[in-house]
Every structure is written in structure tokens, then in C-alpha cells.
């Protein structure tokens, strides 16, 4: 929570020029961060249920080789994933430096 609170938040209207950090939070991740119940109930059922709910599998076509049971991470047979950090930079040295800074 402290780390997230120290980030500078921008909107999609502000195009980064050198590097960018995108953060995706799953519903359990938001709850783990202390999202109040009165806010949590406002999310869609699809978001609350998550990507591996049986009805999501069918709607998204996650069957056969894409079945969540075969996922290397984030599936029902692996540890849950509550947050995803995506780091971007204009070149490899910049990305390497950004990764070191974030670790």
C-alpha cells in the first residue's frame, strides 16, 4: 500500500515519452489493499468472479490449450495473482534501469 501510495498517477491522455508503469489489480488484490465493502460491491460480477470462473472460461474461449487449469500462473491450480506490474521503456538499457529501480 505504501509503495502504491507513493506513485504519481497519470491518465491515458498523458502519453509517456521515455518509460511507463502500468498496474492491473484483481478484485482480491483490491480487497487485500483495504478496499471498503461499500465500494467493492459496486464492481461488476465478472470482475468479482475473476477470469477462471466457469462462466468466464466459456465466454472468453478459455478451453482446450487455453484452459485455466493449464495456466502457469493465475489459474485455479496455481497461486493467485492479485497485481500485475508492466514496465515499459524506449530501449533495453532504460528498461533494465527501470526494473532495478522498481525492485
Protein backbone atom coordinates (compact mmCIF):
# COMPACT_ATOMS: atom_id res chain seq x y z
CA UNK A 1 0.00 0.00 0.00
CA UNK A 2 2.77 2.40 0.91
CA UNK A 3 4.57 1.81 -2.40
CA UNK A 4 1.39 2.32 -4.40
CA UNK A 5 0.60 5.47 -2.45
CA UNK A 6 3.94 6.97 -3.46
CA UNK A 7 3.34 6.61 -7.20
CA UNK A 8 2.43 9.52 -9.42
CA UNK A 9 -0.83 8.70 -11.18
CA UNK A 10 -1.49 9.90 -14.71
CA UNK A 11 -4.34 9.34 -17.14
CA UNK A 12 -4.28 7.63 -20.51
CA UNK A 13 -4.45 11.11 -22.08
CA UNK A 14 -0.86 11.73 -20.97
CA UNK A 15 1.41 9.81 -23.34
CA UNK A 16 4.69 8.79 -21.67
CA UNK A 17 7.82 9.69 -23.59
CA UNK A 18 10.56 7.54 -22.04
CA UNK A 19 9.02 4.93 -19.77
CA UNK A 20 5.73 3.83 -18.27
CA UNK A 21 4.45 1.66 -15.43
CA UNK A 22 1.02 0.08 -15.75
CA UNK A 23 -0.62 -1.65 -12.80
CA UNK A 24 -3.52 -4.09 -13.04
CA UNK A 25 -5.27 -5.12 -9.83
CA UNK A 26 -7.60 -8.09 -9.47
CA UNK A 27 -10.60 -7.88 -7.17
CA UNK A 28 -8.87 -9.90 -4.39
CA UNK A 29 -5.90 -7.55 -4.66
CA UNK A 30 -8.08 -4.50 -4.17
CA UNK A 31 -9.70 -6.16 -1.16
CA UNK A 32 -6.28 -7.07 0.27
CA UNK A 33 -5.31 -3.40 -0.02
CA UNK A 34 -8.31 -2.49 2.12
CA UNK A 35 -10.96 -1.53 -0.44
CA UNK A 36 -14.09 -0.88 1.65
CA UNK A 37 -17.03 -3.25 1.26
CA UNK A 38 -19.33 -0.40 0.22
CA UNK A 39 -17.05 0.30 -2.75
CA UNK A 40 -16.33 -3.37 -3.54
CA UNK A 41 -19.99 -4.22 -4.08
CA UNK A 42 -20.10 -1.70 -6.93
CA UNK A 43 -17.87 -3.77 -9.20
CA UNK A 44 -19.32 -6.00 -11.89
CA UNK A 45 -19.99 -9.65 -11.16
CA UNK A 46 -17.50 -10.57 -13.90
CA UNK A 47 -14.69 -8.66 -12.19
CA UNK A 48 -15.53 -10.05 -8.75
CA UNK A 49 -15.74 -13.65 -10.03
CA UNK A 50 -12.41 -13.41 -11.86
CA UNK A 51 -11.01 -14.86 -15.06
CA UNK A 52 -11.18 -18.51 -14.04
CA UNK A 53 -14.87 -18.70 -13.11
CA UNK A 54 -16.50 -21.39 -15.29
CA UNK A 55 -18.82 -18.92 -16.99
CA UNK A 56 -15.84 -16.66 -17.85
CA UNK A 57 -13.97 -19.60 -19.36
CA UNK A 58 -16.79 -20.24 -21.79
CA UNK A 59 -17.36 -16.58 -22.62
CA UNK A 60 -13.64 -15.98 -23.24
CA UNK A 61 -13.00 -19.26 -25.04
CA UNK A 62 -10.53 -20.43 -22.39
CA UNK A 63 -10.88 -24.10 -23.24
CA UNK A 64 -8.56 -26.78 -24.57
CA UNK A 65 -4.97 -25.50 -24.51
CA UNK A 66 -6.20 -22.20 -23.01
CA UNK A 67 -8.00 -23.88 -20.08
CA UNK A 68 -7.10 -22.07 -16.83
CA UNK A 69 -6.06 -25.43 -15.34
CA UNK A 70 -3.11 -25.31 -17.77
CA UNK A 71 -2.05 -21.75 -16.90
CA UNK A 72 1.46 -21.36 -15.48
CA UNK A 73 0.28 -18.54 -13.16
CA UNK A 74 -3.05 -17.11 -12.11
CA UNK A 75 -5.02 -20.29 -12.67
CA UNK A 76 -7.07 -22.31 -10.19
CA UNK A 77 -4.21 -24.78 -9.60
CA UNK A 78 -1.53 -22.11 -9.02
CA UNK A 79 -1.04 -19.31 -6.52
CA UNK A 80 -3.47 -16.42 -7.03
CA UNK A 81 -2.27 -13.26 -8.74
CA UNK A 82 -3.60 -10.05 -7.20
CA UNK A 83 -1.49 -7.49 -9.04
CA UNK A 84 0.36 -7.28 -12.34
CA UNK A 85 3.09 -4.70 -12.95
CA UNK A 86 4.02 -3.91 -16.54
CA UNK A 87 7.15 -1.86 -17.15
CA UNK A 88 7.84 -0.19 -20.49
CA UNK A 89 10.79 1.81 -21.79
CA UNK A 90 12.04 3.07 -25.15
CA UNK A 91 15.15 0.87 -25.09
CA UNK A 92 16.60 -2.14 -23.27
CA UNK A 93 19.08 -0.20 -21.08
CA UNK A 94 16.26 2.10 -19.97
CA UNK A 95 14.04 -0.88 -19.21
CA UNK A 96 16.82 -2.60 -17.26
CA UNK A 97 17.35 0.56 -15.17
CA UNK A 98 13.61 0.93 -14.61
CA UNK A 99 13.35 -2.70 -13.44
CA UNK A 100 16.22 -2.16 -10.97
CA UNK A 101 14.54 0.99 -9.69
CA UNK A 102 11.24 -0.82 -9.15
CA UNK A 103 12.78 -3.79 -7.32
